[in-house]
Amino acid sequence: MQATSVLPPSIPLEITLPTALELCQLGLATLVDIRQSFEIEMKGAIPNTLHIPMFEMKVMLGDALDEDEQDILDAGQPKELDVKSFFTMINQLHHRHDNLILCICNSGRRSLAAASLLRSLGYPKALSVIGGFQAWKKLQAA
């Protein structure tokens, strides 16, 4: 049997916020906020996250943005991020022992696409946080 670097389709692509926060607290995962910079400025940042905006990442990788994605990208100031620094950050996360890459966006939709994209690039430990920043805000208010 040949080993593969991609998780089987039966492995979930999403994780709950409480589980994600616990894994981060244990040092087994890193939250990667994929929202655009202006979204973080407007709505707030989640402490102890790494910021890698998804749309800049897609453009760097040569993927086309749809019209809505382009509008969101155009609404803010692009983050200074090049391909080398992106892969350096992701590889550092990926090569930590048992470290999960937990993508988080505003609601959980874009982070699902980001986790899928990372898995397709050979990062099998990428997951999307269900509910995103909105879930985090509710948890802080509780």
C-alpha atoms as a PDB file:
ATOM      1  CA  MET A   1       0.000   0.000   0.000  1.00  0.00           C
ATOM      2  CA  GLN A   2       1.399   3.374  -1.023  1.00  0.00           C
ATOM      3  CA  ALA A   3       1.355   6.246   1.478  1.00  0.00           C
ATOM      4  CA  THR A   4      -0.394   9.417   0.391  1.00  0.00           C
ATOM      5  CA  SER A   5      -0.038  12.977   1.623  1.00  0.00           C
ATOM      6  CA  VAL A   6      -3.701  13.841   1.117  1.00  0.00           C
ATOM      7  CA  LEU A   7      -6.385  13.000   3.645  1.00  0.00           C
ATOM      8  CA  PRO A   8      -9.097  10.614   2.460  1.00  0.00           C
ATOM      9  CA  PRO A   9     -12.373  12.284   1.434  1.00  0.00           C
ATOM     10  CA  SER A  10     -14.015  10.908   4.586  1.00  0.00           C
ATOM     11  CA  ILE A  11     -11.831  13.151   6.782  1.00  0.00           C
ATOM     12  CA  PRO A  12     -13.889  16.234   7.674  1.00  0.00           C
ATOM     13  CA  LEU A  13     -12.811  19.568   6.274  1.00  0.00           C
ATOM     14  CA  GLU A  14     -14.363  21.569   9.117  1.00  0.00           C
ATOM     15  CA  ILE A  15     -13.771  21.900  12.851  1.00  0.00           C
ATOM     16  CA  THR A  16     -15.826  23.588  15.558  1.00  0.00           C
ATOM     17  CA  LEU A  17     -14.547  26.805  17.112  1.00  0.00           C
ATOM     18  CA  PRO A  18     -14.273  25.426  20.678  1.00  0.00           C
ATOM     19  CA  THR A  19     -12.218  22.480  19.408  1.00  0.00           C
ATOM     20  CA  ALA A  20     -10.070  24.800  17.278  1.00  0.00           C
ATOM     21  CA  LEU A  21      -9.355  27.103  20.224  1.00  0.00           C
ATOM     22  CA  GLU A  22      -8.492  24.148  22.476  1.00  0.00           C
ATOM     23  CA  LEU A  23      -6.087  22.724  19.875  1.00  0.00           C
ATOM     24  CA  CYS A  24      -4.424  26.132  19.553  1.00  0.00           C
ATOM     25  CA  GLN A  25      -4.124  26.437  23.320  1.00  0.00           C
ATOM     26  CA  LEU A  26      -2.447  23.012  23.411  1.00  0.00           C
ATOM     27  CA  GLY A  27       0.004  24.110  20.709  1.00  0.00           C
ATOM     28  CA  LEU A  28      -1.320  21.571  18.198  1.00  0.00           C
ATOM     29  CA  ALA A  29      -2.836  24.060  15.752  1.00  0.00           C
ATOM     30  CA  THR A  30      -2.505  27.584  14.405  1.00  0.00           C
ATOM     31  CA  LEU A  31      -5.425  29.830  13.480  1.00  0.00           C
ATOM     32  CA  VAL A  32      -4.899  31.487  10.099  1.00  0.00           C
ATOM     33  CA  ASP A  33      -7.222  34.454   9.549  1.00  0.00           C
ATOM     34  CA  ILE A  34      -7.859  34.618   5.808  1.00  0.00           C
ATOM     35  CA  ARG A  35     -10.016  37.765   5.881  1.00  0.00           C
ATOM     36  CA  GLN A  36      -8.888  40.839   4.021  1.00  0.00           C
ATOM     37  CA  SER A  37      -7.033  43.495   6.043  1.00  0.00           C
ATOM     38  CA  PHE A  38      -9.935  45.958   5.905  1.00  0.00           C
ATOM     39  CA  GLU A  39     -12.281  43.320   7.358  1.00  0.00           C
ATOM     40  CA  ILE A  40      -9.984  42.862  10.334  1.00  0.00           C
ATOM     41  CA  GLU A  41      -9.713  46.646  10.766  1.00  0.00           C
ATOM     42  CA  MET A  42     -13.518  47.046  10.608  1.00  0.00           C
ATOM     43  CA  LYS A  43     -14.631  44.036  12.643  1.00  0.00           C
ATOM     44  CA  GLY A  44     -11.647  43.268  14.815  1.00  0.00           C
ATOM     45  CA  ALA A  45      -8.830  40.773  15.034  1.00  0.00           C
ATOM     46  CA  ILE A  46      -8.744  37.417  16.743  1.00  0.00           C
ATOM     47  CA  PRO A  47      -5.760  37.293  19.113  1.00  0.00           C
ATOM     48  CA  ASN A  48      -2.892  34.926  18.332  1.00  0.00           C
ATOM     49  CA  THR A  49      -3.774  34.375  14.676  1.00  0.00           C
ATOM     50  CA  LEU A  50      -1.580  34.465  11.616  1.00  0.00           C
ATOM     51  CA  HIS A  51      -3.016  36.745   8.905  1.00  0.00           C
ATOM     52  CA  ILE A  52      -2.843  35.442   5.336  1.00  0.00           C
ATOM     53  CA  PRO A  53      -5.543  37.073   3.170  1.00  0.00           C
ATOM     54  CA  MET A  54      -7.130  34.458   0.927  1.00  0.00           C
ATOM     55  CA  PHE A  55      -7.638  36.548  -2.188  1.00  0.00           C
ATOM     56  CA  GLU A  56      -4.013  37.693  -2.313  1.00  0.00           C
ATOM     57  CA  MET A  57      -3.042  34.052  -1.807  1.00  0.00           C
ATOM     58  CA  LYS A  58      -5.212  32.956  -4.731  1.00  0.00           C
ATOM     59  CA  VAL A  59      -3.787  35.646  -7.014  1.00  0.00           C
ATOM     60  CA  MET A  60      -0.208  34.678  -6.061  1.00  0.00           C
ATOM     61  CA  LEU A  61      -0.973  31.061  -6.936  1.00  0.00           C
ATOM     62  CA  GLY A  62      -2.312  32.063 -10.344  1.00  0.00           C
ATOM     63  CA  ASP A  63      -5.979  31.353  -9.565  1.00  0.00           C
ATOM     64  CA  ALA A  64      -8.614  33.615 -11.065  1.00  0.00           C
ATOM     65  CA  LEU A  65     -10.899  35.520  -8.723  1.00  0.00           C
ATOM     66  CA  ASP A  66     -14.603  35.632  -9.405  1.00  0.00           C
ATOM     67  CA  GLU A  67     -16.293  39.036  -9.607  1.00  0.00           C
ATOM     68  CA  ASP A  68     -17.310  39.111  -5.917  1.00  0.00           C
ATOM     69  CA  GLU A  69     -13.828  38.086  -4.782  1.00  0.00           C
ATOM     70  CA  GLN A  70     -12.243  40.769  -6.964  1.00  0.00           C
ATOM     71  CA  ASP A  71     -14.619  43.383  -5.519  1.00  0.00           C
ATOM     72  CA  ILE A  72     -13.622  42.406  -1.986  1.00  0.00           C
ATOM     73  CA  LEU A  73      -9.923  42.465  -2.910  1.00  0.00           C
ATOM     74  CA  ASP A  74     -10.328  45.892  -4.538  1.00  0.00           C
ATOM     75  CA  ALA A  75     -12.122  47.278  -1.453  1.00  0.00           C
ATOM     76  CA  GLY A  76      -9.005  47.226   0.683  1.00  0.00           C
ATOM     77  CA  GLN A  77      -5.291  47.830   0.656  1.00  0.00           C
ATOM     78  CA  PRO A  78      -3.537  44.632  -0.463  1.00  0.00           C
ATOM     79  CA  LYS A  79      -1.237  43.088   2.134  1.00  0.00           C
ATOM     80  CA  GLU A  80       2.433  42.916   1.245  1.00  0.00           C
ATOM     81  CA  LEU A  81       2.794  39.192   0.684  1.00  0.00           C
ATOM     82  CA  ASP A  82       4.792  37.414  -1.952  1.00  0.00           C
ATOM     83  CA  VAL A  83       4.830  33.769  -2.986  1.00  0.00           C
ATOM     84  CA  LYS A  84       8.047  33.005  -1.117  1.00  0.00           C
ATOM     85  CA  SER A  85       6.849  34.454   2.195  1.00  0.00           C
ATOM     86  CA  PHE A  86       3.464  32.729   1.810  1.00  0.00           C
ATOM     87  CA  PHE A  87       5.024  29.304   1.311  1.00  0.00           C
ATOM     88  CA  THR A  88       7.584  29.957   4.044  1.00  0.00           C
ATOM     89  CA  MET A  89       4.779  30.689   6.535  1.00  0.00           C
ATOM     90  CA  ILE A  90       2.643  27.724   5.453  1.00  0.00           C
ATOM     91  CA  ASN A  91       5.608  25.329   5.410  1.00  0.00           C
ATOM     92  CA  GLN A  92       6.649  26.405   8.897  1.00  0.00           C
ATOM     93  CA  LEU A  93       3.138  25.626  10.131  1.00  0.00           C
ATOM     94  CA  HIS A  94       2.864  22.403   8.157  1.00  0.00           C
ATOM     95  CA  HIS A  95       6.153  20.930   9.320  1.00  0.00           C
ATOM     96  CA  ARG A  96       5.520  21.412  13.022  1.00  0.00           C
ATOM     97  CA  HIS A  97       4.771  18.051  14.625  1.00  0.00           C
ATOM     98  CA  ASP A  98       1.008  17.388  14.410  1.00  0.00           C
ATOM     99  CA  ASN A  99       0.244  21.068  13.810  1.00  0.00           C
ATOM    100  CA  LEU A 100      -3.090  21.741  12.149  1.00  0.00           C
ATOM    101  CA  ILE A 101      -3.657  24.783   9.935  1.00  0.00           C
ATOM    102  CA  LEU A 102      -7.065  26.148  10.951  1.00  0.00           C
ATOM    103  CA  CYS A 103      -8.446  28.650   8.435  1.00  0.00           C
ATOM    104  CA  ILE A 104     -10.914  31.190   9.752  1.00  0.00           C
ATOM    105  CA  CYS A 105     -12.849  33.884   7.879  1.00  0.00           C
ATOM    106  CA  ASN A 106     -15.926  35.930   8.759  1.00  0.00           C
ATOM    107  CA  SER A 107     -18.592  33.206   8.569  1.00  0.00           C
ATOM    108  CA  GLY A 108     -16.879  29.957   7.591  1.00  0.00           C
ATOM    109  CA  ARG A 109     -17.559  29.935   3.833  1.00  0.00           C
ATOM    110  CA  ARG A 110     -14.289  31.369   2.492  1.00  0.00           C
ATOM    111  CA  SER A 111     -12.255  29.418   5.033  1.00  0.00           C
ATOM    112  CA  LEU A 112     -13.754  26.202   3.658  1.00  0.00           C
ATOM    113  CA  ALA A 113     -12.455  27.155   0.207  1.00  0.00           C
ATOM    114  CA  ALA A 114      -9.064  28.099   1.697  1.00  0.00           C
ATOM    115  CA  ALA A 115      -8.739  24.773   3.532  1.00  0.00           C
ATOM    116  CA  SER A 116      -9.629  22.920   0.325  1.00  0.00           C
ATOM    117  CA  LEU A 117      -7.067  24.959  -1.599  1.00  0.00           C
ATOM    118  CA  LEU A 118      -4.350  24.228   0.970  1.00  0.00           C
ATOM    119  CA  ARG A 119      -5.174  20.514   0.879  1.00  0.00           C
ATOM    120  CA  SER A 120      -4.953  20.544  -2.918  1.00  0.00           C
ATOM    121  CA  LEU A 121      -1.475  22.097  -2.556  1.00  0.00           C
ATOM    122  CA  GLY A 122      -0.368  19.175  -0.375  1.00  0.00           C
ATOM    123  CA  TYR A 123      -1.151  20.468   3.121  1.00  0.00           C
ATOM    124  CA  PRO A 124      -3.443  17.689   4.423  1.00  0.00           C
ATOM    125  CA  LYS A 125      -3.804  19.162   7.918  1.00  0.00           C
ATOM    126  CA  ALA A 126      -5.778  22.224   6.765  1.00  0.00           C
ATOM    127  CA  LEU A 127      -9.253  22.660   8.246  1.00  0.00           C
ATOM    128  CA  SER A 128     -11.948  25.331   8.206  1.00  0.00           C
ATOM    129  CA  VAL A 129     -13.365  26.741  11.456  1.00  0.00           C
ATOM    130  CA  ILE A 130     -17.172  26.525  11.413  1.00  0.00           C
ATOM    131  CA  GLY A 131     -18.872  29.891  11.927  1.00  0.00           C
ATOM    132  CA  GLY A 132     -15.664  31.908  11.603  1.00  0.00           C
ATOM    133  CA  PHE A 133     -15.203  35.303  13.226  1.00  0.00           C
ATOM    134  CA  GLN A 134     -18.944  35.618  13.869  1.00  0.00           C
ATOM    135  CA  ALA A 135     -18.831  32.462  16.022  1.00  0.00           C
ATOM    136  CA  TRP A 136     -15.735  33.796  17.810  1.00  0.00           C
ATOM    137  CA  LYS A 137     -17.525  37.099  18.602  1.00  0.00           C
ATOM    138  CA  LYS A 138     -20.534  35.193  20.003  1.00  0.00           C
ATOM    139  CA  LEU A 139     -18.248  33.057  22.139  1.00  0.00           C
ATOM    140  CA  GLN A 140     -16.525  36.189  23.521  1.00  0.00           C
ATOM    141  CA  ALA A 141     -19.898  37.746  24.365  1.00  0.00           C
ATOM    142  CA  ALA A 142     -21.075  34.643  26.262  1.00  0.00           C
END
